[in-house]
PDB file of N, CA and C in Angstrom:
ATOM      1  N   MET A   1       8.006 -18.907   4.728  1.00  0.00           N
ATOM      2  CA  MET A   1       8.279 -18.015   3.321  1.00  0.00           C
ATOM      3  C   MET A   1       9.272 -17.141   3.853  1.00  0.00           C
ATOM      4  N   THR A   2      10.958 -17.487   2.881  1.00  0.00           N
ATOM      5  CA  THR A   2      11.758 -16.469   3.610  1.00  0.00           C
ATOM      6  C   THR A   2      11.866 -15.468   2.704  1.00  0.00           C
ATOM      7  N   ALA A   3      12.767 -14.310   2.906  1.00  0.00           N
ATOM      8  CA  ALA A   3      12.758 -13.269   1.780  1.00  0.00           C
ATOM      9  C   ALA A   3      14.221 -13.622   0.649  1.00  0.00           C
ATOM     10  N   PRO A   4      14.088 -13.714  -0.366  1.00  0.00           N
ATOM     11  CA  PRO A   4      15.618 -14.003  -1.183  1.00  0.00           C
ATOM     12  C   PRO A   4      16.617 -13.488  -0.446  1.00  0.00           C
ATOM     13  N   GLY A   5      17.750 -14.283  -0.063  1.00  0.00           N
ATOM     14  CA  GLY A   5      18.976 -13.774  -0.061  1.00  0.00           C
ATOM     15  C   GLY A   5      19.136 -13.551   1.502  1.00  0.00           C
ATOM     16  N   ASP A   6      18.130 -13.038   2.052  1.00  0.00           N
ATOM     17  CA  ASP A   6      18.382 -13.381   3.996  1.00  0.00           C
ATOM     18  C   ASP A   6      18.061 -13.795   4.636  1.00  0.00           C
ATOM     19  N   GLY A   7      17.465 -15.303   4.226  1.00  0.00           N
ATOM     20  CA  GLY A   7      16.460 -16.351   5.477  1.00  0.00           C
ATOM     21  C   GLY A   7      15.504 -15.456   6.096  1.00  0.00           C
ATOM     22  N   GLN A   8      15.068 -13.819   5.886  1.00  0.00           N
ATOM     23  CA  GLN A   8      14.484 -13.539   7.195  1.00  0.00           C
ATOM     24  C   GLN A   8      12.917 -14.103   6.335  1.00  0.00           C
ATOM     25  N   PRO A   9      11.869 -14.605   7.502  1.00  0.00           N
ATOM     26  CA  PRO A   9      10.730 -14.669   7.586  1.00  0.00           C
ATOM     27  C   PRO A   9      10.242 -13.619   6.532  1.00  0.00           C
ATOM     28  N   LEU A  10       8.872 -13.876   5.783  1.00  0.00           N
ATOM     29  CA  LEU A  10       8.102 -12.513   5.232  1.00  0.00           C
ATOM     30  C   LEU A  10       7.078 -12.507   6.102  1.00  0.00           C
ATOM     31  N   PRO A  11       6.127 -11.104   6.434  1.00  0.00           N
ATOM     32  CA  PRO A  11       5.380 -11.268   6.805  1.00  0.00           C
ATOM     33  C   PRO A  11       4.141 -11.799   6.203  1.00  0.00           C
ATOM     34  N   ARG A  12       3.450 -12.765   6.734  1.00  0.00           N
ATOM     35  CA  ARG A  12       2.318 -13.607   6.548  1.00  0.00           C
ATOM     36  C   ARG A  12       0.726 -13.004   6.274  1.00  0.00           C
ATOM     37  N   PHE A  13       0.248 -12.974   5.636  1.00  0.00           N
ATOM     38  CA  PHE A  13      -1.501 -12.299   5.255  1.00  0.00           C
ATOM     39  C   PHE A  13      -1.954 -13.303   3.943  1.00  0.00           C
ATOM     40  N   ALA A  14      -3.589 -13.339   4.832  1.00  0.00           N
ATOM     41  CA  ALA A  14      -4.648 -14.750   4.358  1.00  0.00           C
ATOM     42  C   ALA A  14      -5.135 -13.885   3.289  1.00  0.00           C
ATOM     43  N   SER A  15      -5.744 -12.511   3.326  1.00  0.00           N
ATOM     44  CA  SER A  15      -6.708 -11.610   2.845  1.00  0.00           C
ATOM     45  C   SER A  15      -6.663  -9.925   2.499  1.00  0.00           C
ATOM     46  N   PRO A  16      -6.921  -9.603   2.064  1.00  0.00           N
ATOM     47  CA  PRO A  16      -6.958  -7.963   2.110  1.00  0.00           C
ATOM     48  C   PRO A  16      -6.898  -7.284   3.097  1.00  0.00           C
ATOM     49  N   GLU A  17      -7.753  -7.941   4.249  1.00  0.00           N
ATOM     50  CA  GLU A  17      -7.519  -6.610   5.389  1.00  0.00           C
ATOM     51  C   GLU A  17      -6.721  -7.009   6.168  1.00  0.00           C
ATOM     52  N   GLU A  18      -5.755  -8.391   6.324  1.00  0.00           N
ATOM     53  CA  GLU A  18      -5.106  -8.885   7.076  1.00  0.00           C
ATOM     54  C   GLU A  18      -3.727  -8.026   5.990  1.00  0.00           C
ATOM     55  N   PHE A  19      -3.803  -8.232   4.950  1.00  0.00           N
ATOM     56  CA  PHE A  19      -2.535  -7.026   4.562  1.00  0.00           C
ATOM     57  C   PHE A  19      -2.748  -5.658   5.032  1.00  0.00           C
ATOM     58  N   GLY A  20      -3.801  -5.009   5.231  1.00  0.00           N
ATOM     59  CA  GLY A  20      -4.335  -4.003   5.578  1.00  0.00           C
ATOM     60  C   GLY A  20      -3.827  -3.370   7.130  1.00  0.00           C
ATOM     61  N   ASP A  21      -4.085  -4.783   7.279  1.00  0.00           N
ATOM     62  CA  ASP A  21      -3.383  -4.834   9.173  1.00  0.00           C
ATOM     63  C   ASP A  21      -1.748  -4.603   9.235  1.00  0.00           C
ATOM     64  N   LEU A  22      -1.454  -5.856   8.149  1.00  0.00           N
ATOM     65  CA  LEU A  22       0.300  -5.416   8.254  1.00  0.00           C
ATOM     66  C   LEU A  22       0.376  -3.967   7.692  1.00  0.00           C
ATOM     67  N   CYS A  23       0.220  -3.412   7.015  1.00  0.00           N
ATOM     68  CA  CYS A  23       0.592  -2.077   6.689  1.00  0.00           C
ATOM     69  C   CYS A  23       0.279  -0.931   7.797  1.00  0.00           C
ATOM     70  N   ALA A  24      -1.154  -1.458   8.536  1.00  0.00           N
ATOM     71  CA  ALA A  24      -1.166  -0.431   9.697  1.00  0.00           C
ATOM     72  C   ALA A  24       0.071  -0.944  10.653  1.00  0.00           C
ATOM     73  N   GLY A  25       0.705  -1.876  10.350  1.00  0.00           N
ATOM     74  CA  GLY A  25       1.546  -2.493  11.901  1.00  0.00           C
ATOM     75  C   GLY A  25       2.809  -1.324  11.677  1.00  0.00           C
ATOM     76  N   LEU A  26       3.317  -1.854  10.225  1.00  0.00           N
ATOM     77  CA  LEU A  26       4.467  -0.989   9.601  1.00  0.00           C
ATOM     78  C   LEU A  26       4.132   0.199  10.463  1.00  0.00           C
ATOM     79  N   ALA A  27       3.029   1.136   9.937  1.00  0.00           N
ATOM     80  CA  ALA A  27       2.850   2.358   9.709  1.00  0.00           C
ATOM     81  C   ALA A  27       3.270   2.865  11.332  1.00  0.00           C
ATOM     82  N   ASP A  28       2.452   2.186  12.337  1.00  0.00           N
ATOM     83  CA  ASP A  28       2.381   2.560  13.380  1.00  0.00           C
ATOM     84  C   ASP A  28       4.071   2.255  14.305  1.00  0.00           C
ATOM     85  N   ALA A  29       4.708   1.333  13.594  1.00  0.00           N
ATOM     86  CA  ALA A  29       6.400   1.014  14.123  1.00  0.00           C
ATOM     87  C   ALA A  29       7.167   1.939  13.251  1.00  0.00           C
ATOM     88  N   LEU A  30       6.735   2.616  12.383  1.00  0.00           N
ATOM     89  CA  LEU A  30       7.971   3.149  11.993  1.00  0.00           C
ATOM     90  C   LEU A  30       7.094   4.785  12.110  1.00  0.00           C
ATOM     91  N   HIS A  31       6.201   4.965  12.940  1.00  0.00           N
ATOM     92  CA  HIS A  31       5.563   6.346  13.085  1.00  0.00           C
ATOM     93  C   HIS A  31       6.657   6.338  14.795  1.00  0.00           C
ATOM     94  N   ALA A  32       6.636   5.371  15.642  1.00  0.00           N
ATOM     95  CA  ALA A  32       7.062   5.080  16.976  1.00  0.00           C
ATOM     96  C   ALA A  32       8.884   5.305  16.707  1.00  0.00           C
ATOM     97  N   LYS A  33       9.139   4.879  15.646  1.00  0.00           N
ATOM     98  CA  LYS A  33      10.792   5.231  15.577  1.00  0.00           C
ATOM     99  C   LYS A  33      11.297   6.331  15.168  1.00  0.00           C
ATOM    100  N   ASN A  34      10.692   6.874  14.118  1.00  0.00           N
ATOM    101  CA  ASN A  34      10.562   8.225  13.698  1.00  0.00           C
ATOM    102  C   ASN A  34      10.592   9.058  14.898  1.00  0.00           C
ATOM    103  N   ARG A  35       9.746   8.958  16.093  1.00  0.00           N
ATOM    104  CA  ARG A  35       9.642   9.794  16.795  1.00  0.00           C
ATOM    105  C   ARG A  35      10.464   9.030  17.717  1.00  0.00           C
ATOM    106  N   ILE A  36      11.504   7.873  18.418  1.00  0.00           N
ATOM    107  CA  ILE A  36      12.411   7.475  19.627  1.00  0.00           C
ATOM    108  C   ILE A  36      12.974   7.909  18.675  1.00  0.00           C
ATOM    109  N   ALA A  37      13.990   7.632  17.397  1.00  0.00           N
ATOM    110  CA  ALA A  37      15.533   7.766  16.890  1.00  0.00           C
ATOM    111  C   ALA A  37      15.689   8.067  15.258  1.00  0.00           C
ATOM    112  N   MET A  38      14.707   8.730  14.891  1.00  0.00           N
ATOM    113  CA  MET A  38      15.057   9.103  13.898  1.00  0.00           C
ATOM    114  C   MET A  38      14.271  10.883  13.337  1.00  0.00           C
ATOM    115  N   GLY A  39      14.307  11.394  14.755  1.00  0.00           N
ATOM    116  CA  GLY A  39      14.705  12.821  14.657  1.00  0.00           C
ATOM    117  C   GLY A  39      13.246  13.619  13.957  1.00  0.00           C
ATOM    118  N   GLU A  40      11.995  12.884  14.511  1.00  0.00           N
ATOM    119  CA  GLU A  40      10.735  13.065  13.919  1.00  0.00           C
ATOM    120  C   GLU A  40      10.575  13.543  12.261  1.00  0.00           C
ATOM    121  N   SER A  41      11.166  13.364  11.586  1.00  0.00           N
ATOM    122  CA  SER A  41      11.501  13.226  10.300  1.00  0.00           C
ATOM    123  C   SER A  41      10.381  13.514   9.606  1.00  0.00           C
ATOM    124  N   GLN A  42      10.023  14.495   8.775  1.00  0.00           N
ATOM    125  CA  GLN A  42       8.736  14.687   8.213  1.00  0.00           C
ATOM    126  C   GLN A  42       8.718  13.643   6.847  1.00  0.00           C
ATOM    127  N   PHE A  43       9.852  13.234   5.825  1.00  0.00           N
ATOM    128  CA  PHE A  43       9.695  12.088   5.353  1.00  0.00           C
ATOM    129  C   PHE A  43       9.205  10.999   5.474  1.00  0.00           C
ATOM    130  N   VAL A  44      10.299  10.399   6.641  1.00  0.00           N
ATOM    131  CA  VAL A  44       9.550   9.178   7.538  1.00  0.00           C
ATOM    132  C   VAL A  44       8.212   9.122   8.043  1.00  0.00           C
ATOM    133  N   TRP A  45       7.190  10.458   8.393  1.00  0.00           N
ATOM    134  CA  TRP A  45       6.170  10.271   8.246  1.00  0.00           C
ATOM    135  C   TRP A  45       5.172  10.423   7.378  1.00  0.00           C
ATOM    136  N   GLN A  46       5.731  11.037   6.467  1.00  0.00           N
ATOM    137  CA  GLN A  46       5.197  10.681   4.744  1.00  0.00           C
ATOM    138  C   GLN A  46       5.078   9.556   4.580  1.00  0.00           C
ATOM    139  N   VAL A  47       6.118   8.320   4.635  1.00  0.00           N
ATOM    140  CA  VAL A  47       6.061   7.267   4.239  1.00  0.00           C
ATOM    141  C   VAL A  47       5.685   6.283   5.095  1.00  0.00           C
ATOM    142  N   ALA A  48       5.504   6.458   6.365  1.00  0.00           N
ATOM    143  CA  ALA A  48       4.770   5.465   7.424  1.00  0.00           C
ATOM    144  C   ALA A  48       2.483   5.662   6.863  1.00  0.00           C
ATOM    145  N   ASP A  49       2.862   7.428   6.528  1.00  0.00           N
ATOM    146  CA  ASP A  49       1.197   7.480   5.856  1.00  0.00           C
ATOM    147  C   ASP A  49       1.020   6.820   4.781  1.00  0.00           C
ATOM    148  N   ALA A  50       1.746   7.058   3.683  1.00  0.00           N
ATOM    149  CA  ALA A  50       1.377   6.210   2.524  1.00  0.00           C
ATOM    150  C   ALA A  50       1.372   4.828   2.853  1.00  0.00           C
ATOM    151  N   LEU A  51       2.368   4.210   3.900  1.00  0.00           N
ATOM    152  CA  LEU A  51       2.314   2.624   4.021  1.00  0.00           C
ATOM    153  C   LEU A  51       0.465   2.388   5.028  1.00  0.00           C
ATOM    154  N   ARG A  52       0.176   3.205   5.478  1.00  0.00           N
ATOM    155  CA  ARG A  52      -1.166   3.030   6.145  1.00  0.00           C
ATOM    156  C   ARG A  52      -2.180   3.258   5.061  1.00  0.00           C
ATOM    157  N   ARG A  53      -2.407   3.976   4.010  1.00  0.00           N
ATOM    158  CA  ARG A  53      -3.016   4.414   3.727  1.00  0.00           C
ATOM    159  C   ARG A  53      -2.919   3.397   2.496  1.00  0.00           C
ATOM    160  N   LEU A  54      -1.802   2.748   1.791  1.00  0.00           N
ATOM    161  CA  LEU A  54      -1.470   1.663   1.136  1.00  0.00           C
ATOM    162  C   LEU A  54      -2.503   0.568   1.269  1.00  0.00           C
ATOM    163  N   GLY A  55      -2.188   0.013   2.333  1.00  0.00           N
ATOM    164  CA  GLY A  55      -3.554  -0.801   3.168  1.00  0.00           C
ATOM    165  C   GLY A  55      -4.611  -0.688   3.318  1.00  0.00           C
ATOM    166  N   ARG A  56      -5.071   0.485   3.496  1.00  0.00           N
ATOM    167  CA  ARG A  56      -6.471   0.754   2.841  1.00  0.00           C
ATOM    168  C   ARG A  56      -6.886   0.428   1.808  1.00  0.00           C
ATOM    169  N   CYS A  57      -6.170   1.370   1.089  1.00  0.00           N
ATOM    170  CA  CYS A  57      -6.860   1.328  -0.350  1.00  0.00           C
ATOM    171  C   CYS A  57      -6.623  -0.308  -1.040  1.00  0.00           C
ATOM    172  N   PHE A  58      -6.190  -1.204  -0.641  1.00  0.00           N
ATOM    173  CA  PHE A  58      -5.934  -2.638  -1.012  1.00  0.00           C
ATOM    174  C   PHE A  58      -7.093  -3.236  -0.510  1.00  0.00           C
ATOM    175  N   GLU A  59      -7.101  -2.844   0.614  1.00  0.00           N
ATOM    176  CA  GLU A  59      -8.640  -3.295   1.264  1.00  0.00           C
ATOM    177  C   GLU A  59      -9.483  -3.153   1.064  1.00  0.00           C
ATOM    178  N   THR A  60      -9.925  -1.964   0.440  1.00  0.00           N
ATOM    179  CA  THR A  60     -10.952  -1.022  -0.006  1.00  0.00           C
ATOM    180  C   THR A  60     -11.262  -1.638  -1.792  1.00  0.00           C
ATOM    181  N   TYR A  61     -10.286  -1.981  -2.273  1.00  0.00           N
ATOM    182  CA  TYR A  61     -10.290  -1.929  -4.049  1.00  0.00           C
ATOM    183  C   TYR A  61      -9.632  -3.032  -4.683  1.00  0.00           C
ATOM    184  N   TYR A  62      -9.153  -4.440  -3.784  1.00  0.00           N
ATOM    185  CA  TYR A  62      -9.003  -5.489  -3.831  1.00  0.00           C
ATOM    186  C   TYR A  62      -9.828  -6.127  -5.076  1.00  0.00           C
ATOM    187  N   ASP A  63     -10.785  -6.480  -4.671  1.00  0.00           N
ATOM    188  CA  ASP A  63     -11.903  -7.191  -5.284  1.00  0.00           C
ATOM    189  C   ASP A  63     -13.211  -6.182  -5.675  1.00  0.00           C
ATOM    190  N   ASP A  64     -12.477  -5.113  -6.106  1.00  0.00           N
ATOM    191  CA  ASP A  64     -13.289  -4.173  -7.237  1.00  0.00           C
ATOM    192  C   ASP A  64     -13.493  -4.400  -8.760  1.00  0.00           C
ATOM    193  N   PRO A  65     -14.400  -4.654  -8.995  1.00  0.00           N
ATOM    194  CA  PRO A  65     -14.757  -4.688 -10.621  1.00  0.00           C
ATOM    195  C   PRO A  65     -13.914  -4.005 -11.315  1.00  0.00           C
ATOM    196  N   ALA A  66     -14.072  -2.912 -11.008  1.00  0.00           N
ATOM    197  CA  ALA A  66     -13.927  -1.122 -12.137  1.00  0.00           C
ATOM    198  C   ALA A  66     -12.319  -1.319 -11.590  1.00  0.00           C
ATOM    199  N   ILE A  67     -11.905  -1.450 -10.645  1.00  0.00           N
ATOM    200  CA  ILE A  67     -10.874  -0.875 -10.630  1.00  0.00           C
ATOM    201  C   ILE A  67      -9.724  -2.592 -11.278  1.00  0.00           C
ATOM    202  N   ARG A  68     -10.291  -3.716 -11.029  1.00  0.00           N
ATOM    203  CA  ARG A  68      -9.240  -4.852 -11.978  1.00  0.00           C
ATOM    204  C   ARG A  68      -9.695  -4.645 -13.191  1.00  0.00           C
ATOM    205  N   ALA A  69     -11.003  -4.028 -13.967  1.00  0.00           N
ATOM    206  CA  ALA A  69     -10.860  -3.637 -15.134  1.00  0.00           C
ATOM    207  C   ALA A  69      -9.746  -2.750 -15.413  1.00  0.00           C
ATOM    208  N   ALA A  70      -9.713  -1.626 -14.622  1.00  0.00           N
ATOM    209  CA  ALA A  70      -8.808  -0.631 -15.311  1.00  0.00           C
ATOM    210  C   ALA A  70      -7.602  -0.798 -14.986  1.00  0.00           C
ATOM    211  N   PHE A  71      -6.697  -1.979 -14.215  1.00  0.00           N
ATOM    212  CA  PHE A  71      -5.339  -2.302 -13.660  1.00  0.00           C
ATOM    213  C   PHE A  71      -4.629  -3.413 -14.604  1.00  0.00           C
ATOM    214  N   GLY A  72      -6.170  -4.357 -15.142  1.00  0.00           N
ATOM    215  CA  GLY A  72      -5.954  -5.778 -16.324  1.00  0.00           C
ATOM    216  C   GLY A  72      -5.378  -6.664 -14.765  1.00  0.00           C
ATOM    217  N   ASN A  73      -4.949  -8.145 -15.545  1.00  0.00           N
ATOM    218  CA  ASN A  73      -4.590  -9.174 -14.832  1.00  0.00           C
ATOM    219  C   ASN A  73      -3.496  -9.906 -15.747  1.00  0.00           C
ATOM    220  N   GLY A  74      -3.160 -10.773 -15.730  1.00  0.00           N
ATOM    221  CA  GLY A  74      -2.220 -12.070 -16.122  1.00  0.00           C
ATOM    222  C   GLY A  74      -2.732 -12.127 -17.457  1.00  0.00           C
ATOM    223  N   TRP A  75      -3.892 -12.191 -17.926  1.00  0.00           N
ATOM    224  CA  TRP A  75      -4.471 -12.436 -18.849  1.00  0.00           C
ATOM    225  C   TRP A  75      -5.051 -11.812 -20.242  1.00  0.00           C
ATOM    226  N   ALA A  76      -5.396 -10.545 -19.078  1.00  0.00           N
ATOM    227  CA  ALA A  76      -6.164  -9.385 -20.221  1.00  0.00           C
ATOM    228  C   ALA A  76      -5.705  -8.036 -19.989  1.00  0.00           C
ATOM    229  N   THR A  77      -5.406  -6.962 -20.860  1.00  0.00           N
ATOM    230  CA  THR A  77      -4.945  -5.735 -20.800  1.00  0.00           C
ATOM    231  C   THR A  77      -5.488  -4.843 -20.156  1.00  0.00           C
ATOM    232  N   GLY A  78      -5.710  -4.062 -19.014  1.00  0.00           N
ATOM    233  CA  GLY A  78      -6.755  -3.344 -18.365  1.00  0.00           C
ATOM    234  C   GLY A  78      -6.685  -1.778 -19.563  1.00  0.00           C
ATOM    235  N   SER A  79      -7.928  -1.013 -19.096  1.00  0.00           N
ATOM    236  CA  SER A  79      -8.121  -0.166 -19.804  1.00  0.00           C
ATOM    237  C   SER A  79      -7.286   1.140 -19.451  1.00  0.00           C
ATOM    238  N   LEU A  80      -6.334   0.755 -18.372  1.00  0.00           N
ATOM    239  CA  LEU A  80      -5.657   2.241 -18.218  1.00  0.00           C
ATOM    240  C   LEU A  80      -4.157   1.395 -19.067  1.00  0.00           C
ATOM    241  N   PRO A  81      -3.284   2.762 -19.618  1.00  0.00           N
ATOM    242  CA  PRO A  81      -2.511   2.410 -19.860  1.00  0.00           C
ATOM    243  C   PRO A  81      -1.323   2.193 -19.207  1.00  0.00           C
ATOM    244  N   ARG A  82      -0.471   1.078 -19.289  1.00  0.00           N
ATOM    245  CA  ARG A  82       0.911   1.126 -18.622  1.00  0.00           C
ATOM    246  C   ARG A  82       1.280   1.915 -17.651  1.00  0.00           C
ATOM    247  N   GLU A  83       1.678   3.320 -18.797  1.00  0.00           N
ATOM    248  CA  GLU A  83       1.881   4.535 -17.925  1.00  0.00           C
ATOM    249  C   GLU A  83       1.250   5.529 -17.148  1.00  0.00           C
ATOM    250  N   GLU A  84       0.447   5.230 -17.268  1.00  0.00           N
ATOM    251  CA  GLU A  84      -0.617   5.627 -15.882  1.00  0.00           C
ATOM    252  C   GLU A  84      -1.119   5.038 -15.391  1.00  0.00           C
ATOM    253  N   ARG A  85      -0.937   3.777 -14.874  1.00  0.00           N
ATOM    254  CA  ARG A  85      -1.325   3.280 -13.876  1.00  0.00           C
ATOM    255  C   ARG A  85      -0.603   3.331 -11.989  1.00  0.00           C
ATOM    256  N   ALA A  86       0.225   3.853 -12.522  1.00  0.00           N
ATOM    257  CA  ALA A  86       1.065   4.464 -11.094  1.00  0.00           C
ATOM    258  C   ALA A  86       0.384   5.702 -10.437  1.00  0.00           C
ATOM    259  N   ALA A  87       0.079   6.615 -11.687  1.00  0.00           N
ATOM    260  CA  ALA A  87      -0.936   7.629 -11.118  1.00  0.00           C
ATOM    261  C   ALA A  87      -2.129   7.699 -10.783  1.00  0.00           C
ATOM    262  N   ALA A  88      -2.827   6.380 -10.987  1.00  0.00           N
ATOM    263  CA  ALA A  88      -4.240   5.921 -10.984  1.00  0.00           C
ATOM    264  C   ALA A  88      -3.919   5.292  -9.281  1.00  0.00           C
ATOM    265  N   LEU A  89      -2.789   4.554  -9.240  1.00  0.00           N
ATOM    266  CA  LEU A  89      -2.592   4.417  -7.828  1.00  0.00           C
ATOM    267  C   LEU A  89      -3.221   4.998  -6.799  1.00  0.00           C
ATOM    268  N   PHE A  90      -1.838   6.533  -7.017  1.00  0.00           N
ATOM    269  CA  PHE A  90      -1.224   7.127  -6.204  1.00  0.00           C
ATOM    270  C   PHE A  90      -2.942   7.820  -6.129  1.00  0.00           C
ATOM    271  N   ALA A  91      -4.183   8.319  -6.716  1.00  0.00           N
ATOM    272  CA  ALA A  91      -4.881   8.789  -6.930  1.00  0.00           C
ATOM    273  C   ALA A  91      -5.795   8.100  -5.770  1.00  0.00           C
ATOM    274  N   LEU A  92      -5.941   6.717  -6.078  1.00  0.00           N
ATOM    275  CA  LEU A  92      -6.868   5.838  -4.902  1.00  0.00           C
ATOM    276  C   LEU A  92      -6.679   6.105  -3.627  1.00  0.00           C
ATOM    277  N   ILE A  93      -4.948   5.940  -3.242  1.00  0.00           N
ATOM    278  CA  ILE A  93      -4.744   6.392  -1.936  1.00  0.00           C
ATOM    279  C   ILE A  93      -4.751   7.648  -1.749  1.00  0.00           C
ATOM    280  N   TYR A  94      -4.344   8.388  -2.464  1.00  0.00           N
ATOM    281  CA  TYR A  94      -4.992   9.948  -1.736  1.00  0.00           C
ATOM    282  C   TYR A  94      -5.825  10.819  -2.715  1.00  0.00           C
ATOM    283  N   PRO A  95      -6.896  10.129  -2.119  1.00  0.00           N
ATOM    284  CA  PRO A  95      -8.479  10.691  -3.004  1.00  0.00           C
ATOM    285  C   PRO A  95      -8.707  12.255  -2.648  1.00  0.00           C
ATOM    286  N   GLN A  96      -8.765  13.003  -3.407  1.00  0.00           N
ATOM    287  CA  GLN A  96      -9.273  14.222  -3.307  1.00  0.00           C
ATOM    288  C   GLN A  96     -10.630  14.481  -2.467  1.00  0.00           C
ATOM    289  N   LYS A  97     -10.474  15.309  -1.573  1.00  0.00           N
ATOM    290  CA  LYS A  97     -10.761  16.134  -0.748  1.00  0.00           C
ATOM    291  C   LYS A  97     -12.384  16.518  -1.312  1.00  0.00           C
ATOM    292  N   PRO A  98     -13.081  16.411  -0.832  1.00  0.00           N
ATOM    293  CA  PRO A  98     -14.813  17.142  -1.348  1.00  0.00           C
ATOM    294  C   PRO A  98     -14.458  18.588  -0.943  1.00  0.00           C
ATOM    295  N   ALA A  99     -14.505  19.254  -2.015  1.00  0.00           N
ATOM    296  CA  ALA A  99     -14.892  20.697  -1.779  1.00  0.00           C
ATOM    297  C   ALA A  99     -15.837  21.246  -0.899  1.00  0.00           C
TER     298      ALA A  99
END
């Protein structure tokens, strides 16, 4: 499979775990590039961290029935209103630390 427009091959993954590995690899590559050639930008650091967290989140919650019910699918509306889904995903990616 190639990306639309540029013909570049798209990364392949066949499971939530492989997607998590792909995100971790992208995060590692971005961290390395940031250290070597991007001025150790804190913005870039945060983007790389978000990629890693997103991969972990996907691995953890992909098959979770409660998450599926909340977000819905192509046939059933989830319990979360559309405008709240991004915030809910953010909360899964950045869970609250116990006090």
